[in-house]
Amino acid sequence: MDKKSFINSIASEDNSLASNLYDKLKLAELTYKPVFMNEFVPPNVWKRLDSLQANFDVSVYSYGIFEDSERRILAFSKDDVYDYPVNAIKIENKSRFVKLEHRDYLGALVGLGIRREKFGDLVLHEDICYAAVCEDIFDYLKLNLIKVGNCPCKVELVDSYEIQQIKKSSKDSIVSTTSLRLDCIVGSLCNLSRAKAVLLIQSSKVLVDYAEVTEKDFNVEIDSIITIRGYGKFKISEHTGETQKGRLKLLVKKYI
């Protein structure tokens, strides 16, 4: 696959990212050594690369530390990959009086001038935020991330096994829909009419695997992450069957 075709095939609004991916992939093919991306990519990118594997002379691996990670580091290699340039960390809120939320930790990291691509998923558990970060920013984080909002905090490395046991807070439910079209899915998830679901989609308020989608007839695949601004984030986990009236039954995970 040539570079132009590759870039056109990658579901990314950032052509520079697609170009960098292609260069890393070709380097791995030429050197027979593992080559890593030094940033995390969203699901729409790593899923697309996985589907294109037959076109490459190396395998594409992805890793985000957490079970079912959304943002992941990519590796291109002819052999299995075990060691990634990723650190598992915990950010501990030392305040006894203030409960911090996901957006507080995200804002603190970005507020230090760290690009969003340099850290992966953030998962909260009690007074600790667990995170996957590129290993080249850990020292900077440990030195400079001393507060989240007005709360003092402490940054430490943790064993990847420990962090893998942390589960994202979510609630499972069964949702029925007439089809896997995006407007049908959005309507069912938000309990809206199709017309109101279409309005959300056309207003750029719906993301599929972190990529904005404005086509109402876009086909949603199982395992997709659907983010609907104002309503939340959902994962279409499984097609469990059909209702007596022939509607699709989907197991949906809503992140809380």
C-alpha atoms as a PDB file:
ATOM      1  CA  MET A   1       0.000   0.000   0.000  1.00  0.00           C
ATOM      2  CA  ASP A   2       1.462   3.388  -0.999  1.00  0.00           C
ATOM      3  CA  LYS A   3       1.495   6.356   1.357  1.00  0.00           C
ATOM      4  CA  LYS A   4      -1.376   8.243  -0.283  1.00  0.00           C
ATOM      5  CA  SER A   5      -3.669   5.215  -0.159  1.00  0.00           C
ATOM      6  CA  PHE A   6      -2.667   4.566   3.441  1.00  0.00           C
ATOM      7  CA  ILE A   7      -3.438   8.119   4.557  1.00  0.00           C
ATOM      8  CA  ASN A   8      -6.798   8.012   2.789  1.00  0.00           C
ATOM      9  CA  SER A   9      -7.593   4.718   4.535  1.00  0.00           C
ATOM     10  CA  ILE A  10      -6.924   5.932   8.070  1.00  0.00           C
ATOM     11  CA  ALA A  11      -9.936   7.309   9.914  1.00  0.00           C
ATOM     12  CA  SER A  12      -8.190  10.403  11.222  1.00  0.00           C
ATOM     13  CA  GLU A  13      -8.770  14.114  10.736  1.00  0.00           C
ATOM     14  CA  ASP A  14      -5.019  14.601  11.210  1.00  0.00           C
ATOM     15  CA  ASN A  15      -3.072  13.728   8.059  1.00  0.00           C
ATOM     16  CA  SER A  16       0.211  14.307   9.887  1.00  0.00           C
ATOM     17  CA  LEU A  17      -0.674  11.460  12.267  1.00  0.00           C
ATOM     18  CA  ALA A  18      -1.478   9.142   9.360  1.00  0.00           C
ATOM     19  CA  SER A  19       1.771  10.127   7.649  1.00  0.00           C
ATOM     20  CA  ASN A  20       3.751   9.427  10.822  1.00  0.00           C
ATOM     21  CA  LEU A  21       2.048   6.042  11.191  1.00  0.00           C
ATOM     22  CA  TYR A  22       3.017   5.111   7.644  1.00  0.00           C
ATOM     23  CA  ASP A  23       6.647   6.153   8.178  1.00  0.00           C
ATOM     24  CA  LYS A  24       6.900   4.106  11.389  1.00  0.00           C
ATOM     25  CA  LEU A  25       5.325   1.104   9.707  1.00  0.00           C
ATOM     26  CA  LYS A  26       7.745   1.243   6.781  1.00  0.00           C
ATOM     27  CA  LEU A  27      10.691   1.632   9.163  1.00  0.00           C
ATOM     28  CA  ALA A  28       9.657  -1.564  10.938  1.00  0.00           C
ATOM     29  CA  GLU A  29       9.389  -3.372   7.604  1.00  0.00           C
ATOM     30  CA  LEU A  30      12.885  -2.233   6.608  1.00  0.00           C
ATOM     31  CA  THR A  31      14.723  -2.786   9.902  1.00  0.00           C
ATOM     32  CA  TYR A  32      13.012  -5.959  11.166  1.00  0.00           C
ATOM     33  CA  LYS A  33      12.894  -4.278  14.592  1.00  0.00           C
ATOM     34  CA  PRO A  34       9.880  -3.175  16.649  1.00  0.00           C
ATOM     35  CA  VAL A  35       8.966   0.460  16.054  1.00  0.00           C
ATOM     36  CA  PHE A  36       6.679   2.300  18.473  1.00  0.00           C
ATOM     37  CA  MET A  37       4.491   5.347  18.230  1.00  0.00           C
ATOM     38  CA  ASN A  38       5.312   7.782  21.006  1.00  0.00           C
ATOM     39  CA  GLU A  39       1.730   8.886  21.508  1.00  0.00           C
ATOM     40  CA  PHE A  40      -1.664   7.353  22.167  1.00  0.00           C
ATOM     41  CA  VAL A  41      -4.211   7.060  19.380  1.00  0.00           C
ATOM     42  CA  PRO A  42      -8.019   6.788  19.665  1.00  0.00           C
ATOM     43  CA  PRO A  43     -10.035   3.674  18.754  1.00  0.00           C
ATOM     44  CA  ASN A  44     -10.976   4.834  15.265  1.00  0.00           C
ATOM     45  CA  VAL A  45      -7.267   4.787  14.337  1.00  0.00           C
ATOM     46  CA  TRP A  46      -6.053   1.544  15.924  1.00  0.00           C
ATOM     47  CA  LYS A  47      -9.172  -0.352  14.866  1.00  0.00           C
ATOM     48  CA  ARG A  48      -8.689   0.786  11.273  1.00  0.00           C
ATOM     49  CA  LEU A  49      -5.028  -0.237  11.293  1.00  0.00           C
ATOM     50  CA  ASP A  50      -5.982  -3.629  12.676  1.00  0.00           C
ATOM     51  CA  SER A  51      -8.402  -4.136   9.778  1.00  0.00           C
ATOM     52  CA  LEU A  52      -5.654  -3.256   7.264  1.00  0.00           C
ATOM     53  CA  GLN A  53      -3.053  -5.722   8.612  1.00  0.00           C
ATOM     54  CA  ALA A  54      -3.155  -7.915   5.506  1.00  0.00           C
ATOM     55  CA  ASN A  55      -1.601  -5.033   3.531  1.00  0.00           C
ATOM     56  CA  PHE A  56       1.538  -4.843   5.688  1.00  0.00           C
ATOM     57  CA  ASP A  57       4.684  -6.963   6.055  1.00  0.00           C
ATOM     58  CA  VAL A  58       4.635  -6.431   9.828  1.00  0.00           C
ATOM     59  CA  SER A  59       1.971  -6.893  12.475  1.00  0.00           C
ATOM     60  CA  VAL A  60       0.238  -4.010  14.228  1.00  0.00           C
ATOM     61  CA  TYR A  61       0.009  -4.225  18.021  1.00  0.00           C
ATOM     62  CA  SER A  62      -1.792  -1.863  20.388  1.00  0.00           C
ATOM     63  CA  TYR A  63      -1.572  -1.437  24.144  1.00  0.00           C
ATOM     64  CA  GLY A  64      -3.127   0.902  26.683  1.00  0.00           C
ATOM     65  CA  ILE A  65      -2.443  -0.910  30.002  1.00  0.00           C
ATOM     66  CA  PHE A  66      -6.079  -1.101  31.126  1.00  0.00           C
ATOM     67  CA  GLU A  67      -8.326  -3.961  30.179  1.00  0.00           C
ATOM     68  CA  ASP A  68     -10.451  -2.752  27.270  1.00  0.00           C
ATOM     69  CA  SER A  69      -8.324   0.388  26.845  1.00  0.00           C
ATOM     70  CA  GLU A  70      -9.676   3.007  24.481  1.00  0.00           C
ATOM     71  CA  ARG A  71      -6.565   5.100  23.791  1.00  0.00           C
ATOM     72  CA  ARG A  72      -3.533   2.987  22.924  1.00  0.00           C
ATOM     73  CA  ILE A  73       0.129   3.064  21.936  1.00  0.00           C
ATOM     74  CA  LEU A  74       0.876   1.337  18.631  1.00  0.00           C
ATOM     75  CA  ALA A  75       3.785  -0.922  17.766  1.00  0.00           C
ATOM     76  CA  PHE A  76       4.807  -2.298  14.373  1.00  0.00           C
ATOM     77  CA  SER A  77       6.818  -5.504  14.482  1.00  0.00           C
ATOM     78  CA  LYS A  78       7.388  -8.851  12.794  1.00  0.00           C
ATOM     79  CA  ASP A  79       7.618 -10.489  16.233  1.00  0.00           C
ATOM     80  CA  ASP A  80       5.448 -10.338  19.336  1.00  0.00           C
ATOM     81  CA  VAL A  81       5.828  -7.168  21.407  1.00  0.00           C
ATOM     82  CA  TYR A  82       5.973  -7.262  25.203  1.00  0.00           C
ATOM     83  CA  ASP A  83       7.613  -4.019  26.353  1.00  0.00           C
ATOM     84  CA  TYR A  84       6.004  -0.727  25.394  1.00  0.00           C
ATOM     85  CA  PRO A  85       7.279   2.819  26.148  1.00  0.00           C
ATOM     86  CA  VAL A  86       4.380   3.322  28.566  1.00  0.00           C
ATOM     87  CA  ASN A  87       4.223   3.910  32.315  1.00  0.00           C
ATOM     88  CA  ALA A  88       1.346   3.046  34.615  1.00  0.00           C
ATOM     89  CA  ILE A  89       0.905   5.795  37.197  1.00  0.00           C
ATOM     90  CA  LYS A  90      -1.442   6.800  39.959  1.00  0.00           C
ATOM     91  CA  ILE A  91      -2.316  10.361  40.922  1.00  0.00           C
ATOM     92  CA  GLU A  92      -3.444  10.363  44.528  1.00  0.00           C
ATOM     93  CA  ASN A  93      -5.692  13.115  45.821  1.00  0.00           C
ATOM     94  CA  LYS A  94      -4.323  14.024  49.268  1.00  0.00           C
ATOM     95  CA  SER A  95      -7.297  16.199  50.236  1.00  0.00           C
ATOM     96  CA  ARG A  96      -9.790  14.644  52.639  1.00  0.00           C
ATOM     97  CA  PHE A  97     -12.470  17.200  51.853  1.00  0.00           C
ATOM     98  CA  VAL A  98     -12.750  17.472  48.050  1.00  0.00           C
ATOM     99  CA  LYS A  99     -13.754  14.691  45.679  1.00  0.00           C
ATOM    100  CA  LEU A 100     -12.133  15.077  42.265  1.00  0.00           C
ATOM    101  CA  GLU A 101     -13.672  14.037  38.964  1.00  0.00           C
ATOM    102  CA  HIS A 102     -12.278  12.813  35.643  1.00  0.00           C
ATOM    103  CA  ARG A 103     -12.381  16.312  34.163  1.00  0.00           C
ATOM    104  CA  ASP A 104     -10.328  17.672  37.085  1.00  0.00           C
ATOM    105  CA  TYR A 105      -7.451  15.281  36.421  1.00  0.00           C
ATOM    106  CA  LEU A 106      -7.699  15.778  32.663  1.00  0.00           C
ATOM    107  CA  GLY A 107      -7.604  19.547  33.113  1.00  0.00           C
ATOM    108  CA  ALA A 108      -4.602  19.335  35.431  1.00  0.00           C
ATOM    109  CA  LEU A 109      -2.602  17.281  32.924  1.00  0.00           C
ATOM    110  CA  VAL A 110      -3.459  19.488  29.968  1.00  0.00           C
ATOM    111  CA  GLY A 111      -2.833  22.548  32.131  1.00  0.00           C
ATOM    112  CA  LEU A 112       0.800  21.484  32.468  1.00  0.00           C
ATOM    113  CA  GLY A 113       1.157  21.844  28.705  1.00  0.00           C
ATOM    114  CA  ILE A 114       1.013  18.102  28.053  1.00  0.00           C
ATOM    115  CA  ARG A 115      -0.600  17.171  24.745  1.00  0.00           C
ATOM    116  CA  ARG A 116      -3.630  14.901  25.053  1.00  0.00           C
ATOM    117  CA  GLU A 117      -1.870  12.326  22.888  1.00  0.00           C
ATOM    118  CA  LYS A 118       0.853  11.807  25.509  1.00  0.00           C
ATOM    119  CA  PHE A 119      -1.448  10.051  27.970  1.00  0.00           C
ATOM    120  CA  GLY A 120      -4.109   7.427  27.522  1.00  0.00           C
ATOM    121  CA  ASP A 121      -7.174   6.487  29.535  1.00  0.00           C
ATOM    122  CA  LEU A 122      -7.794   7.964  32.980  1.00  0.00           C
ATOM    123  CA  VAL A 123      -9.643   5.683  35.389  1.00  0.00           C
ATOM    124  CA  LEU A 124     -10.827   6.845  38.806  1.00  0.00           C
ATOM    125  CA  HIS A 125     -11.006   4.621  41.860  1.00  0.00           C
ATOM    126  CA  GLU A 126     -11.857   6.293  45.163  1.00  0.00           C
ATOM    127  CA  ASP A 127      -9.267   9.074  45.703  1.00  0.00           C
ATOM    128  CA  ILE A 128      -6.868   7.863  43.025  1.00  0.00           C
ATOM    129  CA  CYS A 129      -6.703   8.474  39.289  1.00  0.00           C
ATOM    130  CA  TYR A 130      -4.877   5.699  37.459  1.00  0.00           C
ATOM    131  CA  ALA A 131      -3.403   6.603  34.083  1.00  0.00           C
ATOM    132  CA  ALA A 132      -1.345   5.280  31.200  1.00  0.00           C
ATOM    133  CA  VAL A 133       1.302   7.790  30.109  1.00  0.00           C
ATOM    134  CA  CYS A 134       4.189   7.882  27.662  1.00  0.00           C
ATOM    135  CA  GLU A 135       7.293   7.057  29.672  1.00  0.00           C
ATOM    136  CA  ASP A 136       9.111  10.198  28.483  1.00  0.00           C
ATOM    137  CA  ILE A 137       6.745  12.477  30.432  1.00  0.00           C
ATOM    138  CA  PHE A 138       6.757  10.662  33.775  1.00  0.00           C
ATOM    139  CA  ASP A 139       9.630  12.606  35.365  1.00  0.00           C
ATOM    140  CA  TYR A 140       8.038  15.887  34.307  1.00  0.00           C
ATOM    141  CA  LEU A 141       4.701  14.794  35.770  1.00  0.00           C
ATOM    142  CA  LYS A 142       6.201  13.665  39.063  1.00  0.00           C
ATOM    143  CA  LEU A 143       8.026  16.970  39.456  1.00  0.00           C
ATOM    144  CA  ASN A 144       5.280  19.339  38.327  1.00  0.00           C
ATOM    145  CA  LEU A 145       1.900  17.743  39.025  1.00  0.00           C
ATOM    146  CA  ILE A 146       1.628  18.720  42.670  1.00  0.00           C
ATOM    147  CA  LYS A 147      -1.986  19.904  42.623  1.00  0.00           C
ATOM    148  CA  VAL A 148      -5.223  18.981  40.897  1.00  0.00           C
ATOM    149  CA  GLY A 149      -7.386  22.058  41.216  1.00  0.00           C
ATOM    150  CA  ASN A 150      -6.733  23.196  44.776  1.00  0.00           C
ATOM    151  CA  CYS A 151      -6.073  19.675  46.035  1.00  0.00           C
ATOM    152  CA  PRO A 152      -2.515  18.549  46.750  1.00  0.00           C
ATOM    153  CA  CYS A 153      -1.633  15.330  44.974  1.00  0.00           C
ATOM    154  CA  LYS A 154       1.135  12.776  44.649  1.00  0.00           C
ATOM    155  CA  VAL A 155       2.253  11.007  41.458  1.00  0.00           C
ATOM    156  CA  GLU A 156       3.761   7.523  41.628  1.00  0.00           C
ATOM    157  CA  LEU A 157       4.584   4.654  39.317  1.00  0.00           C
ATOM    158  CA  VAL A 158       2.507   1.545  39.845  1.00  0.00           C
ATOM    159  CA  ASP A 159       2.853  -2.018  38.682  1.00  0.00           C
ATOM    160  CA  SER A 160       0.981  -2.631  35.429  1.00  0.00           C
ATOM    161  CA  TYR A 161      -0.651  -5.698  37.015  1.00  0.00           C
ATOM    162  CA  GLU A 162      -2.177  -3.503  39.726  1.00  0.00           C
ATOM    163  CA  ILE A 163      -3.571  -1.048  37.206  1.00  0.00           C
ATOM    164  CA  GLN A 164      -5.028  -3.822  35.059  1.00  0.00           C
ATOM    165  CA  GLN A 165      -7.292  -4.782  37.957  1.00  0.00           C
ATOM    166  CA  ILE A 166      -8.920  -1.346  38.001  1.00  0.00           C
ATOM    167  CA  LYS A 167     -12.253  -1.348  36.199  1.00  0.00           C
ATOM    168  CA  LYS A 168     -13.932   1.648  34.644  1.00  0.00           C
ATOM    169  CA  SER A 169     -17.179   2.607  36.347  1.00  0.00           C
ATOM    170  CA  SER A 170     -20.060   1.647  34.082  1.00  0.00           C
ATOM    171  CA  LYS A 171     -23.614   0.382  34.015  1.00  0.00           C
ATOM    172  CA  ASP A 172     -24.845  -2.340  31.645  1.00  0.00           C
ATOM    173  CA  SER A 173     -28.276  -2.331  30.050  1.00  0.00           C
ATOM    174  CA  ILE A 174     -30.127  -3.938  27.153  1.00  0.00           C
ATOM    175  CA  VAL A 175     -31.242  -1.508  24.452  1.00  0.00           C
ATOM    176  CA  SER A 176     -33.458  -2.358  21.491  1.00  0.00           C
ATOM    177  CA  THR A 177     -33.160  -0.666  18.107  1.00  0.00           C
ATOM    178  CA  THR A 178     -34.475  -1.158  14.596  1.00  0.00           C
ATOM    179  CA  SER A 179     -31.000  -1.197  13.028  1.00  0.00           C
ATOM    180  CA  LEU A 180     -27.339  -0.322  13.552  1.00  0.00           C
ATOM    181  CA  ARG A 181     -27.715   2.994  11.728  1.00  0.00           C
ATOM    182  CA  LEU A 182     -26.287   5.809  13.816  1.00  0.00           C
ATOM    183  CA  ASP A 183     -29.577   7.712  14.047  1.00  0.00           C
ATOM    184  CA  CYS A 184     -31.344   4.598  15.328  1.00  0.00           C
ATOM    185  CA  ILE A 185     -28.589   3.902  17.864  1.00  0.00           C
ATOM    186  CA  VAL A 186     -28.517   7.483  19.154  1.00  0.00           C
ATOM    187  CA  GLY A 187     -32.295   7.568  19.435  1.00  0.00           C
ATOM    188  CA  SER A 188     -32.342   4.328  21.418  1.00  0.00           C
ATOM    189  CA  LEU A 189     -29.457   5.299  23.715  1.00  0.00           C
ATOM    190  CA  CYS A 190     -30.947   8.691  24.545  1.00  0.00           C
ATOM    191  CA  ASN A 191     -34.624   7.722  24.334  1.00  0.00           C
ATOM    192  CA  LEU A 192     -35.192  10.293  21.592  1.00  0.00           C
ATOM    193  CA  SER A 193     -37.217  10.358  18.402  1.00  0.00           C
ATOM    194  CA  ARG A 194     -35.257   9.696  15.235  1.00  0.00           C
ATOM    195  CA  ALA A 195     -35.716  13.339  14.178  1.00  0.00           C
ATOM    196  CA  LYS A 196     -34.104  14.572  17.411  1.00  0.00           C
ATOM    197  CA  ALA A 197     -31.348  11.972  17.078  1.00  0.00           C
ATOM    198  CA  VAL A 198     -30.617  13.195  13.537  1.00  0.00           C
ATOM    199  CA  LEU A 199     -30.429  16.772  14.827  1.00  0.00           C
ATOM    200  CA  LEU A 200     -27.801  15.745  17.389  1.00  0.00           C
ATOM    201  CA  ILE A 201     -25.775  13.977  14.697  1.00  0.00           C
ATOM    202  CA  GLN A 202     -25.978  16.842  12.213  1.00  0.00           C
ATOM    203  CA  SER A 203     -25.059  19.303  14.981  1.00  0.00           C
ATOM    204  CA  SER A 204     -21.689  17.514  15.396  1.00  0.00           C
ATOM    205  CA  LYS A 205     -22.585  16.291  18.879  1.00  0.00           C
ATOM    206  CA  VAL A 206     -21.963  12.595  18.206  1.00  0.00           C
ATOM    207  CA  LEU A 207     -18.585  10.850  18.092  1.00  0.00           C
ATOM    208  CA  VAL A 208     -17.945   7.247  17.087  1.00  0.00           C
ATOM    209  CA  ASP A 209     -14.659   5.929  18.475  1.00  0.00           C
ATOM    210  CA  TYR A 210     -13.703   9.572  19.166  1.00  0.00           C
ATOM    211  CA  ALA A 211     -14.212  10.635  15.540  1.00  0.00           C
ATOM    212  CA  GLU A 212     -16.995  13.084  14.720  1.00  0.00           C
ATOM    213  CA  VAL A 213     -19.655  11.536  12.485  1.00  0.00           C
ATOM    214  CA  THR A 214     -22.391  13.619  10.853  1.00  0.00           C
ATOM    215  CA  GLU A 215     -23.909  10.983   8.547  1.00  0.00           C
ATOM    216  CA  LYS A 216     -27.173   9.718  10.018  1.00  0.00           C
ATOM    217  CA  ASP A 217     -26.953   6.422   8.094  1.00  0.00           C
ATOM    218  CA  PHE A 218     -23.432   5.612   9.339  1.00  0.00           C
ATOM    219  CA  ASN A 219     -23.278   1.915  10.278  1.00  0.00           C
ATOM    220  CA  VAL A 220     -22.250   1.369  13.899  1.00  0.00           C
ATOM    221  CA  GLU A 221     -20.165  -1.731  14.602  1.00  0.00           C
ATOM    222  CA  ILE A 222     -20.150  -3.840  17.751  1.00  0.00           C
ATOM    223  CA  ASP A 223     -17.454  -2.648  20.209  1.00  0.00           C
ATOM    224  CA  SER A 224     -17.820   0.950  19.033  1.00  0.00           C
ATOM    225  CA  ILE A 225     -17.601   3.757  21.588  1.00  0.00           C
ATOM    226  CA  ILE A 226     -20.405   6.284  21.091  1.00  0.00           C
ATOM    227  CA  THR A 227     -20.004   9.689  22.733  1.00  0.00           C
ATOM    228  CA  ILE A 228     -23.089  11.912  22.695  1.00  0.00           C
ATOM    229  CA  ARG A 229     -22.511  15.396  24.056  1.00  0.00           C
ATOM    230  CA  GLY A 230     -24.961  16.113  26.827  1.00  0.00           C
ATOM    231  CA  TYR A 231     -25.897  12.436  27.247  1.00  0.00           C
ATOM    232  CA  GLY A 232     -22.699  10.528  27.990  1.00  0.00           C
ATOM    233  CA  LYS A 233     -20.397   7.854  26.618  1.00  0.00           C
ATOM    234  CA  PHE A 234     -21.556   4.365  25.667  1.00  0.00           C
ATOM    235  CA  LYS A 235     -19.992   1.159  24.399  1.00  0.00           C
ATOM    236  CA  ILE A 236     -21.995  -1.124  22.118  1.00  0.00           C
ATOM    237  CA  SER A 237     -20.748  -4.341  23.697  1.00  0.00           C
ATOM    238  CA  GLU A 238     -22.736  -7.164  22.145  1.00  0.00           C
ATOM    239  CA  HIS A 239     -25.656  -8.105  19.890  1.00  0.00           C
ATOM    240  CA  THR A 240     -27.668 -10.398  22.154  1.00  0.00           C
ATOM    241  CA  GLY A 241     -30.554 -11.329  19.847  1.00  0.00           C
ATOM    242  CA  GLU A 242     -33.880  -9.926  18.694  1.00  0.00           C
ATOM    243  CA  THR A 243     -37.181  -8.983  20.292  1.00  0.00           C
ATOM    244  CA  GLN A 244     -40.422 -10.676  19.283  1.00  0.00           C
ATOM    245  CA  LYS A 245     -41.043  -7.749  16.948  1.00  0.00           C
ATOM    246  CA  GLY A 246     -37.682  -8.213  15.239  1.00  0.00           C
ATOM    247  CA  ARG A 247     -35.806  -5.314  16.851  1.00  0.00           C
ATOM    248  CA  LEU A 248     -32.117  -5.794  17.597  1.00  0.00           C
ATOM    249  CA  LYS A 249     -31.204  -6.277  21.255  1.00  0.00           C
ATOM    250  CA  LEU A 250     -27.867  -4.742  22.198  1.00  0.00           C
ATOM    251  CA  LEU A 251     -25.874  -4.988  25.408  1.00  0.00           C
ATOM    252  CA  VAL A 252     -24.735  -1.431  26.091  1.00  0.00           C
ATOM    253  CA  LYS A 253     -22.219  -0.223  28.653  1.00  0.00           C
ATOM    254  CA  LYS A 254     -22.687   3.360  29.836  1.00  0.00           C
ATOM    255  CA  TYR A 255     -19.651   4.916  31.495  1.00  0.00           C
ATOM    256  CA  ILE A 256     -20.436   6.772  34.717  1.00  0.00           C
END
